Structure formats: C-alpha cells, structure tokens
C-alpha cells in the first residue's frame, strides 16, 4: 500500500511523465526516497510524542467519553464484518 509521500499522479499524462522521469533517472524512486537517513533528533521527538500522547489523551477524557469512544470503535469493527458477508471473508 502506498504511503502519502509516494502517491503517483492520477492524470494519465502526468503519470506517464513520472514513469519516464524515473526510468531516465530524473526523479527518485519511492524506495530511494525511503532509504534516506532520518534525522535522529526528529526520530526521538516523534517517539516521545507517541509515547505520551495516548496516555495523556486517556487521562484527559472522562470515563463516559472513553466508553463512548470504545463503543463506537466496536460498532465500526462489527459493521465491517457484517458488510463483508460469508463469500467475501473476514476483514482480518
């Protein structure tokens, strides 16, 4: 599945130009773009925010709000399974 940074043009002409640019080496391939080294400071900040983000959000919500959120998530999961049908398999 492509990530946001690797989206290709939807227009047929732009897509053709993009493919030619990759073939001639004028544009980077998606795999080359991902191979670039990351800034360690930015990685550390991202990890820090991710670690404390969920906990901080959970502490700021009331028990009623947390219950509503979990109920909505469970409903969405069951709706997905219900709509899949027996011939289409499960979503997992």
PDB file of N, CA and C in Angstrom:
ATOM      1  N   UNK A   1       0.830  -1.162   0.000  1.00  0.00           N
ATOM      2  CA  UNK A   1       0.000   0.000   0.000  1.00  0.00           C
ATOM      3  C   UNK A   1       0.887   1.240   0.000  1.00  0.00           C
ATOM      4  N   UNK A   2       0.652   2.179  -0.931  1.00  0.00           N
ATOM      5  CA  UNK A   2       1.499   3.360  -0.986  1.00  0.00           C
ATOM      6  C   UNK A   2       1.225   4.287   0.193  1.00  0.00           C
ATOM      7  N   UNK A   3       2.259   4.979   0.613  1.00  0.00           N
ATOM      8  CA  UNK A   3       2.093   5.971   1.663  1.00  0.00           C
ATOM      9  C   UNK A   3       1.805   7.313   1.027  1.00  0.00           C
ATOM     10  N   UNK A   4       1.479   8.298   1.833  1.00  0.00           N
ATOM     11  CA  UNK A   4       1.160   9.608   1.286  1.00  0.00           C
ATOM     12  C   UNK A   4       2.309  10.194   0.486  1.00  0.00           C
ATOM     13  N   UNK A   5       3.530   9.986   0.939  1.00  0.00           N
ATOM     14  CA  UNK A   5       4.665  10.601   0.255  1.00  0.00           C
ATOM     15  C   UNK A   5       4.986   9.920  -1.079  1.00  0.00           C
ATOM     16  N   UNK A   6       4.427   8.739  -1.325  1.00  0.00           N
ATOM     17  CA  UNK A   6       4.744   8.040  -2.561  1.00  0.00           C
ATOM     18  C   UNK A   6       3.560   7.999  -3.529  1.00  0.00           C
ATOM     19  N   UNK A   7       2.616   8.904  -3.362  1.00  0.00           N
ATOM     20  CA  UNK A   7       1.471   8.936  -4.264  1.00  0.00           C
ATOM     21  C   UNK A   7       1.909   9.328  -5.663  1.00  0.00           C
ATOM     22  N   UNK A   8       1.364   8.638  -6.610  1.00  0.00           N
ATOM     23  CA  UNK A   8       1.685   8.957  -8.003  1.00  0.00           C
ATOM     24  C   UNK A   8       0.559   9.769  -8.607  1.00  0.00           C
ATOM     25  N   UNK A   9       0.847  10.516  -9.663  1.00  0.00           N
ATOM     26  CA  UNK A   9      -0.181  11.352 -10.292  1.00  0.00           C
ATOM     27  C   UNK A   9      -1.357  10.515 -10.808  1.00  0.00           C
ATOM     28  N   UNK A  10      -2.563  11.052 -10.699  1.00  0.00           N
ATOM     29  CA  UNK A  10      -3.754  10.367 -11.172  1.00  0.00           C
ATOM     30  C   UNK A  10      -3.996  10.613 -12.669  1.00  0.00           C
ATOM     31  N   UNK A  11      -3.575  11.756 -13.149  1.00  0.00           N
ATOM     32  CA  UNK A  11      -3.742  12.085 -14.562  1.00  0.00           C
ATOM     33  C   UNK A  11      -2.827  11.189 -15.396  1.00  0.00           C
ATOM     34  N   UNK A  12      -3.343  10.639 -16.486  1.00  0.00           N
ATOM     35  CA  UNK A  12      -2.578   9.694 -17.297  1.00  0.00           C
ATOM     36  C   UNK A  12      -1.312  10.327 -17.880  1.00  0.00           C
ATOM     37  N   UNK A  13      -1.401  11.569 -18.330  1.00  0.00           N
ATOM     38  CA  UNK A  13      -0.228  12.236 -18.907  1.00  0.00           C
ATOM     39  C   UNK A  13       0.841  12.495 -17.840  1.00  0.00           C
ATOM     40  N   UNK A  14       0.413  12.945 -16.677  1.00  0.00           N
ATOM     41  CA  UNK A  14       1.366  13.196 -15.601  1.00  0.00           C
ATOM     42  C   UNK A  14       2.005  11.897 -15.120  1.00  0.00           C
ATOM     43  N   UNK A  15       1.208  10.829 -15.058  1.00  0.00           N
ATOM     44  CA  UNK A  15       1.739   9.537 -14.652  1.00  0.00           C
ATOM     45  C   UNK A  15       2.775   9.048 -15.664  1.00  0.00           C
ATOM     46  N   UNK A  16       2.491   9.211 -16.952  1.00  0.00           N
ATOM     47  CA  UNK A  16       3.441   8.797 -17.985  1.00  0.00           C
ATOM     48  C   UNK A  16       4.755   9.573 -17.858  1.00  0.00           C
ATOM     49  N   UNK A  17       4.661  10.880 -17.619  1.00  0.00           N
ATOM     50  CA  UNK A  17       5.867  11.687 -17.445  1.00  0.00           C
ATOM     51  C   UNK A  17       6.642  11.239 -16.208  1.00  0.00           C
ATOM     52  N   UNK A  18       5.923  10.930 -15.132  1.00  0.00           N
ATOM     53  CA  UNK A  18       6.563  10.471 -13.902  1.00  0.00           C
ATOM     54  C   UNK A  18       7.321   9.162 -14.140  1.00  0.00           C
ATOM     55  N   UNK A  19       6.715   8.245 -14.876  1.00  0.00           N
ATOM     56  CA  UNK A  19       7.354   6.961 -15.171  1.00  0.00           C
ATOM     57  C   UNK A  19       8.604   7.176 -16.018  1.00  0.00           C
ATOM     58  N   UNK A  20       8.523   8.062 -17.007  1.00  0.00           N
ATOM     59  CA  UNK A  20       9.686   8.361 -17.847  1.00  0.00           C
ATOM     60  C   UNK A  20      10.788   9.010 -17.008  1.00  0.00           C
ATOM     61  N   UNK A  21      10.413   9.914 -16.113  1.00  0.00           N
ATOM     62  CA  UNK A  21      11.409  10.567 -15.249  1.00  0.00           C
ATOM     63  C   UNK A  21      12.125   9.550 -14.372  1.00  0.00           C
ATOM     64  N   UNK A  22      11.387   8.585 -13.846  1.00  0.00           N
ATOM     65  CA  UNK A  22      12.012   7.543 -13.029  1.00  0.00           C
ATOM     66  C   UNK A  22      12.946   6.694 -13.885  1.00  0.00           C
ATOM     67  N   UNK A  23      12.494   6.343 -15.086  1.00  0.00           N
ATOM     68  CA  UNK A  23      13.298   5.493 -15.967  1.00  0.00           C
ATOM     69  C   UNK A  23      14.586   6.181 -16.409  1.00  0.00           C
ATOM     70  N   UNK A  24      14.527   7.502 -16.598  1.00  0.00           N
ATOM     71  CA  UNK A  24      15.714   8.225 -17.054  1.00  0.00           C
ATOM     72  C   UNK A  24      16.570   8.729 -15.899  1.00  0.00           C
ATOM     73  N   UNK A  25      16.108   8.519 -14.674  1.00  0.00           N
ATOM     74  CA  UNK A  25      16.889   8.928 -13.510  1.00  0.00           C
ATOM     75  C   UNK A  25      16.693  10.372 -13.106  1.00  0.00           C
ATOM     76  N   UNK A  26      15.713  11.053 -13.688  1.00  0.00           N
ATOM     77  CA  UNK A  26      15.471  12.453 -13.335  1.00  0.00           C
ATOM     78  C   UNK A  26      14.656  12.587 -12.057  1.00  0.00           C
ATOM     79  N   UNK A  27      13.957  11.529 -11.660  1.00  0.00           N
ATOM     80  CA  UNK A  27      13.162  11.549 -10.427  1.00  0.00           C
ATOM     81  C   UNK A  27      13.580  10.373  -9.563  1.00  0.00           C
ATOM     82  N   UNK A  28      13.462  10.561  -8.252  1.00  0.00           N
ATOM     83  CA  UNK A  28      13.801   9.479  -7.338  1.00  0.00           C
ATOM     84  C   UNK A  28      12.682   8.445  -7.303  1.00  0.00           C
ATOM     85  N   UNK A  29      13.063   7.209  -7.135  1.00  0.00           N
ATOM     86  CA  UNK A  29      12.067   6.170  -6.920  1.00  0.00           C
ATOM     87  C   UNK A  29      11.602   6.246  -5.481  1.00  0.00           C
ATOM     88  N   UNK A  30      10.437   5.677  -5.215  1.00  0.00           N
ATOM     89  CA  UNK A  30       9.889   5.697  -3.863  1.00  0.00           C
ATOM     90  C   UNK A  30      10.817   4.980  -2.890  1.00  0.00           C
ATOM     91  N   UNK A  31      11.408   3.857  -3.327  1.00  0.00           N
ATOM     92  CA  UNK A  31      12.295   3.106  -2.440  1.00  0.00           C
ATOM     93  C   UNK A  31      13.565   3.897  -2.130  1.00  0.00           C
ATOM     94  N   UNK A  32      14.038   4.681  -3.103  1.00  0.00           N
ATOM     95  CA  UNK A  32      15.211   5.503  -2.869  1.00  0.00           C
ATOM     96  C   UNK A  32      14.897   6.624  -1.888  1.00  0.00           C
ATOM     97  N   UNK A  33      13.699   7.148  -1.987  1.00  0.00           N
ATOM     98  CA  UNK A  33      13.288   8.220  -1.099  1.00  0.00           C
ATOM     99  C   UNK A  33      13.226   7.720   0.345  1.00  0.00           C
ATOM    100  N   UNK A  34      12.731   6.495   0.536  1.00  0.00           N
ATOM    101  CA  UNK A  34      12.617   5.924   1.879  1.00  0.00           C
ATOM    102  C   UNK A  34      13.968   5.515   2.446  1.00  0.00           C
ATOM    103  N   UNK A  35      14.976   5.302   1.587  1.00  0.00           N
ATOM    104  CA  UNK A  35      16.284   4.828   2.037  1.00  0.00           C
ATOM    105  C   UNK A  35      17.132   5.945   2.637  1.00  0.00           C
ATOM    106  N   UNK A  36      16.706   7.194   2.480  1.00  0.00           N
ATOM    107  CA  UNK A  36      17.482   8.308   3.021  1.00  0.00           C
ATOM    108  C   UNK A  36      17.532   8.235   4.543  1.00  0.00           C
ATOM    109  N   UNK A  37      18.667   8.586   5.134  1.00  0.00           N
ATOM    110  CA  UNK A  37      18.772   8.526   6.601  1.00  0.00           C
ATOM    111  C   UNK A  37      17.853   9.552   7.253  1.00  0.00           C
ATOM    112  N   UNK A  38      17.364   9.192   8.436  1.00  0.00           N
ATOM    113  CA  UNK A  38      16.474  10.084   9.168  1.00  0.00           C
ATOM    114  C   UNK A  38      17.269  10.902  10.174  1.00  0.00           C
ATOM    115  N   UNK A  39      16.732  12.038  10.507  1.00  0.00           N
ATOM    116  CA  UNK A  39      17.343  12.905  11.498  1.00  0.00           C
ATOM    117  C   UNK A  39      17.085  12.299  12.877  1.00  0.00           C
ATOM    118  N   UNK A  40      18.131  11.901  13.611  1.00  0.00           N
ATOM    119  CA  UNK A  40      17.931  11.259  14.918  1.00  0.00           C
ATOM    120  C   UNK A  40      17.154  12.118  15.918  1.00  0.00           C
ATOM    121  N   UNK A  41      17.353  13.425  15.858  1.00  0.00           N
ATOM    122  CA  UNK A  41      16.629  14.305  16.780  1.00  0.00           C
ATOM    123  C   UNK A  41      15.133  14.281  16.489  1.00  0.00           C
ATOM    124  N   UNK A  42      14.780  14.275  15.204  1.00  0.00           N
ATOM    125  CA  UNK A  42      13.366  14.233  14.830  1.00  0.00           C
ATOM    126  C   UNK A  42      12.747  12.892  15.209  1.00  0.00           C
ATOM    127  N   UNK A  43      13.487  11.818  15.052  1.00  0.00           N
ATOM    128  CA  UNK A  43      13.009  10.493  15.427  1.00  0.00           C
ATOM    129  C   UNK A  43      12.735  10.432  16.927  1.00  0.00           C
ATOM    130  N   UNK A  44      13.659  10.985  17.714  1.00  0.00           N
ATOM    131  CA  UNK A  44      13.493  10.984  19.176  1.00  0.00           C
ATOM    132  C   UNK A  44      12.266  11.794  19.591  1.00  0.00           C
ATOM    133  N   UNK A  45      12.054  12.948  18.966  1.00  0.00           N
ATOM    134  CA  UNK A  45      10.876  13.754  19.294  1.00  0.00           C
ATOM    135  C   UNK A  45       9.583  13.028  18.919  1.00  0.00           C
ATOM    136  N   UNK A  46       9.589  12.356  17.778  1.00  0.00           N
ATOM    137  CA  UNK A  46       8.406  11.623  17.357  1.00  0.00           C
ATOM    138  C   UNK A  46       8.073  10.495  18.312  1.00  0.00           C
ATOM    139  N   UNK A  47       9.091   9.792  18.768  1.00  0.00           N
ATOM    140  CA  UNK A  47       8.860   8.703  19.718  1.00  0.00           C
ATOM    141  C   UNK A  47       8.340   9.232  21.038  1.00  0.00           C
ATOM    142  N   UNK A  48       8.883  10.354  21.481  1.00  0.00           N
ATOM    143  CA  UNK A  48       8.460  10.932  22.746  1.00  0.00           C
ATOM    144  C   UNK A  48       6.981  11.315  22.688  1.00  0.00           C
ATOM    145  N   UNK A  49       6.585  11.979  21.612  1.00  0.00           N
ATOM    146  CA  UNK A  49       5.183  12.383  21.472  1.00  0.00           C
ATOM    147  C   UNK A  49       4.265  11.187  21.373  1.00  0.00           C
ATOM    148  N   UNK A  50       4.687  10.151  20.671  1.00  0.00           N
ATOM    149  CA  UNK A  50       3.857   8.963  20.531  1.00  0.00           C
ATOM    150  C   UNK A  50       3.699   8.207  21.833  1.00  0.00           C
ATOM    151  N   UNK A  51       4.728   8.226  22.642  1.00  0.00           N
ATOM    152  CA  UNK A  51       4.671   7.504  23.912  1.00  0.00           C
ATOM    153  C   UNK A  51       3.731   8.163  24.898  1.00  0.00           C
ATOM    154  N   UNK A  52       3.778   9.493  24.958  1.00  0.00           N
ATOM    155  CA  UNK A  52       2.958  10.139  25.973  1.00  0.00           C
ATOM    156  C   UNK A  52       1.597  10.578  25.429  1.00  0.00           C
ATOM    157  N   UNK A  53       1.419  10.547  24.116  1.00  0.00           N
ATOM    158  CA  UNK A  53       0.185  11.049  23.514  1.00  0.00           C
ATOM    159  C   UNK A  53      -1.062  10.301  23.922  1.00  0.00           C
ATOM    160  N   UNK A  54      -1.059   8.971  23.778  1.00  0.00           N
ATOM    161  CA  UNK A  54      -2.241   8.187  24.103  1.00  0.00           C
ATOM    162  C   UNK A  54      -2.566   8.221  25.578  1.00  0.00           C
ATOM    163  N   UNK A  55      -1.541   8.165  26.396  1.00  0.00           N
ATOM    164  CA  UNK A  55      -1.753   8.185  27.841  1.00  0.00           C
ATOM    165  C   UNK A  55      -2.319   9.539  28.269  1.00  0.00           C
ATOM    166  N   UNK A  56      -1.766  10.612  27.726  1.00  0.00           N
ATOM    167  CA  UNK A  56      -2.244  11.947  28.071  1.00  0.00           C
ATOM    168  C   UNK A  56      -3.689  12.134  27.621  1.00  0.00           C
ATOM    169  N   UNK A  57      -4.022  11.613  26.447  1.00  0.00           N
ATOM    170  CA  UNK A  57      -5.398  11.738  25.963  1.00  0.00           C
ATOM    171  C   UNK A  57      -6.347  10.944  26.849  1.00  0.00           C
ATOM    172  N   UNK A  58      -5.954   9.734  27.223  1.00  0.00           N
ATOM    173  CA  UNK A  58      -6.804   8.908  28.068  1.00  0.00           C
ATOM    174  C   UNK A  58      -7.033   9.564  29.426  1.00  0.00           C
ATOM    175  N   UNK A  59      -6.014  10.205  29.973  1.00  0.00           N
ATOM    176  CA  UNK A  59      -6.161  10.865  31.259  1.00  0.00           C
ATOM    177  C   UNK A  59      -7.056  12.092  31.174  1.00  0.00           C
ATOM    178  N   UNK A  60      -7.115  12.726  30.000  1.00  0.00           N
ATOM    179  CA  UNK A  60      -7.924  13.933  29.864  1.00  0.00           C
ATOM    180  C   UNK A  60      -9.396  13.616  29.608  1.00  0.00           C
ATOM    181  N   UNK A  61      -9.710  12.381  29.212  1.00  0.00           N
ATOM    182  CA  UNK A  61     -11.100  12.006  28.937  1.00  0.00           C
ATOM    183  C   UNK A  61     -11.786  11.516  30.203  1.00  0.00           C
ATOM    184  N   UNK A  62     -13.083  11.750  30.258  1.00  0.00           N
ATOM    185  CA  UNK A  62     -13.860  11.209  31.374  1.00  0.00           C
ATOM    186  C   UNK A  62     -14.152   9.741  31.082  1.00  0.00           C
ATOM    187  N   UNK A  63     -14.495   8.958  32.102  1.00  0.00           N
ATOM    188  CA  UNK A  63     -14.849   7.552  31.858  1.00  0.00           C
ATOM    189  C   UNK A  63     -16.005   7.404  30.869  1.00  0.00           C
ATOM    190  N   UNK A  64     -16.943   8.315  30.897  1.00  0.00           N
ATOM    191  CA  UNK A  64     -18.074   8.263  29.958  1.00  0.00           C
ATOM    192  C   UNK A  64     -17.599   8.470  28.526  1.00  0.00           C
ATOM    193  N   UNK A  65     -16.697   9.436  28.326  1.00  0.00           N
ATOM    194  CA  UNK A  65     -16.177   9.693  26.983  1.00  0.00           C
ATOM    195  C   UNK A  65     -15.386   8.489  26.473  1.00  0.00           C
ATOM    196  N   UNK A  66     -14.571   7.885  27.348  1.00  0.00           N
ATOM    197  CA  UNK A  66     -13.810   6.705  26.933  1.00  0.00           C
ATOM    198  C   UNK A  66     -14.747   5.574  26.539  1.00  0.00           C
ATOM    199  N   UNK A  67     -15.828   5.400  27.282  1.00  0.00           N
ATOM    200  CA  UNK A  67     -16.794   4.346  26.960  1.00  0.00           C
ATOM    201  C   UNK A  67     -17.457   4.608  25.613  1.00  0.00           C
ATOM    202  N   UNK A  68     -17.795   5.864  25.335  1.00  0.00           N
ATOM    203  CA  UNK A  68     -18.422   6.208  24.049  1.00  0.00           C
ATOM    204  C   UNK A  68     -17.468   5.926  22.892  1.00  0.00           C
ATOM    205  N   UNK A  69     -16.211   6.277  23.065  1.00  0.00           N
ATOM    206  CA  UNK A  69     -15.217   6.051  22.015  1.00  0.00           C
ATOM    207  C   UNK A  69     -15.036   4.562  21.763  1.00  0.00           C
ATOM    208  N   UNK A  70     -14.932   3.774  22.833  1.00  0.00           N
ATOM    209  CA  UNK A  70     -14.738   2.333  22.652  1.00  0.00           C
ATOM    210  C   UNK A  70     -15.986   1.684  22.061  1.00  0.00           C
ATOM    211  N   UNK A  71     -17.164   2.179  22.430  1.00  0.00           N
ATOM    212  CA  UNK A  71     -18.412   1.638  21.868  1.00  0.00           C
ATOM    213  C   UNK A  71     -18.478   1.915  20.357  1.00  0.00           C
ATOM    214  N   UNK A  72     -18.082   3.126  19.959  1.00  0.00           N
ATOM    215  CA  UNK A  72     -18.092   3.479  18.537  1.00  0.00           C
ATOM    216  C   UNK A  72     -17.083   2.634  17.761  1.00  0.00           C
ATOM    217  N   UNK A  73     -15.925   2.381  18.360  1.00  0.00           N
ATOM    218  CA  UNK A  73     -14.904   1.561  17.691  1.00  0.00           C
ATOM    219  C   UNK A  73     -15.396   0.129  17.515  1.00  0.00           C
ATOM    220  N   UNK A  74     -16.011  -0.431  18.555  1.00  0.00           N
ATOM    221  CA  UNK A  74     -16.531  -1.795  18.465  1.00  0.00           C
ATOM    222  C   UNK A  74     -17.634  -1.884  17.413  1.00  0.00           C
ATOM    223  N   UNK A  75     -18.492  -0.874  17.371  1.00  0.00           N
ATOM    224  CA  UNK A  75     -19.579  -0.859  16.376  1.00  0.00           C
ATOM    225  C   UNK A  75     -18.997  -0.816  14.961  1.00  0.00           C
ATOM    226  N   UNK A  76     -17.971  -0.011  14.758  1.00  0.00           N
ATOM    227  CA  UNK A  76     -17.348   0.090  13.435  1.00  0.00           C
ATOM    228  C   UNK A  76     -16.722  -1.245  13.031  1.00  0.00           C
ATOM    229  N   UNK A  77     -16.089  -1.929  13.993  1.00  0.00           N
ATOM    230  CA  UNK A  77     -15.493  -3.238  13.680  1.00  0.00           C
ATOM    231  C   UNK A  77     -16.565  -4.239  13.287  1.00  0.00           C
ATOM    232  N   UNK A  78     -17.658  -4.276  14.012  1.00  0.00           N
ATOM    233  CA  UNK A  78     -18.716  -5.235  13.710  1.00  0.00           C
ATOM    234  C   UNK A  78     -19.433  -4.896  12.410  1.00  0.00           C
ATOM    235  N   UNK A  79     -19.600  -3.612  12.110  1.00  0.00           N
ATOM    236  CA  UNK A  79     -20.222  -3.224  10.845  1.00  0.00           C
ATOM    237  C   UNK A  79     -19.378  -3.699   9.667  1.00  0.00           C
ATOM    238  N   UNK A  80     -18.059  -3.593   9.795  1.00  0.00           N
ATOM    239  CA  UNK A  80     -17.164  -4.035   8.722  1.00  0.00           C
ATOM    240  C   UNK A  80     -17.326  -5.532   8.494  1.00  0.00           C
ATOM    241  N   UNK A  81     -17.386  -6.300   9.556  1.00  0.00           N
ATOM    242  CA  UNK A  81     -17.548  -7.753   9.420  1.00  0.00           C
ATOM    243  C   UNK A  81     -18.911  -8.106   8.859  1.00  0.00           C
ATOM    244  N   UNK A  82     -19.932  -7.388   9.301  1.00  0.00           N
ATOM    245  CA  UNK A  82     -21.289  -7.684   8.849  1.00  0.00           C
ATOM    246  C   UNK A  82     -21.420  -7.423   7.344  1.00  0.00           C
ATOM    247  N   UNK A  83     -20.799  -6.341   6.862  1.00  0.00           N
ATOM    248  CA  UNK A  83     -20.873  -5.971   5.452  1.00  0.00           C
ATOM    249  C   UNK A  83     -20.002  -6.851   4.564  1.00  0.00           C
ATOM    250  N   UNK A  84     -19.035  -7.561   5.157  1.00  0.00           N
ATOM    251  CA  UNK A  84     -18.142  -8.400   4.362  1.00  0.00           C
ATOM    252  C   UNK A  84     -18.882  -9.587   3.778  1.00  0.00           C
ATOM    253  N   UNK A  85     -19.812 -10.160   4.508  1.00  0.00           N
ATOM    254  CA  UNK A  85     -20.580 -11.297   4.016  1.00  0.00           C
ATOM    255  C   UNK A  85     -19.778 -12.585   4.058  1.00  0.00           C
ATOM    256  N   UNK A  86     -20.456 -13.725   3.930  1.00  0.00           N
ATOM    257  CA  UNK A  86     -19.782 -15.014   4.034  1.00  0.00           C
ATOM    258  C   UNK A  86     -18.861 -15.320   2.852  1.00  0.00           C
ATOM    259  N   UNK A  87     -19.179 -14.821   1.661  1.00  0.00           N
ATOM    260  CA  UNK A  87     -18.359 -15.143   0.499  1.00  0.00           C
ATOM    261  C   UNK A  87     -17.139 -14.231   0.368  1.00  0.00           C
ATOM    262  N   UNK A  88     -17.113 -13.134   1.079  1.00  0.00           N
ATOM    263  CA  UNK A  88     -16.002 -12.187   0.948  1.00  0.00           C
ATOM    264  C   UNK A  88     -14.950 -12.362   2.035  1.00  0.00           C
ATOM    265  N   UNK A  89     -15.208 -13.185   3.009  1.00  0.00           N
ATOM    266  CA  UNK A  89     -14.236 -13.418   4.086  1.00  0.00           C
ATOM    267  C   UNK A  89     -14.276 -12.338   5.125  1.00  0.00           C
ATOM    268  N   UNK A  90     -13.470 -12.510   6.141  1.00  0.00           N
ATOM    269  CA  UNK A  90     -13.413 -11.536   7.204  1.00  0.00           C
ATOM    270  C   UNK A  90     -12.384 -10.472   6.888  1.00  0.00           C
ATOM    271  N   UNK A  91     -12.451  -9.375   7.623  1.00  0.00           N
ATOM    272  CA  UNK A  91     -11.540  -8.283   7.373  1.00  0.00           C
ATOM    273  C   UNK A  91     -10.168  -8.504   7.987  1.00  0.00           C
ATOM    274  N   UNK A  92      -9.959  -9.549   8.724  1.00  0.00           N
ATOM    275  CA  UNK A  92      -8.650  -9.773   9.337  1.00  0.00           C
ATOM    276  C   UNK A  92      -7.860 -10.792   8.602  1.00  0.00           C
TER     277      UNK A  92
END
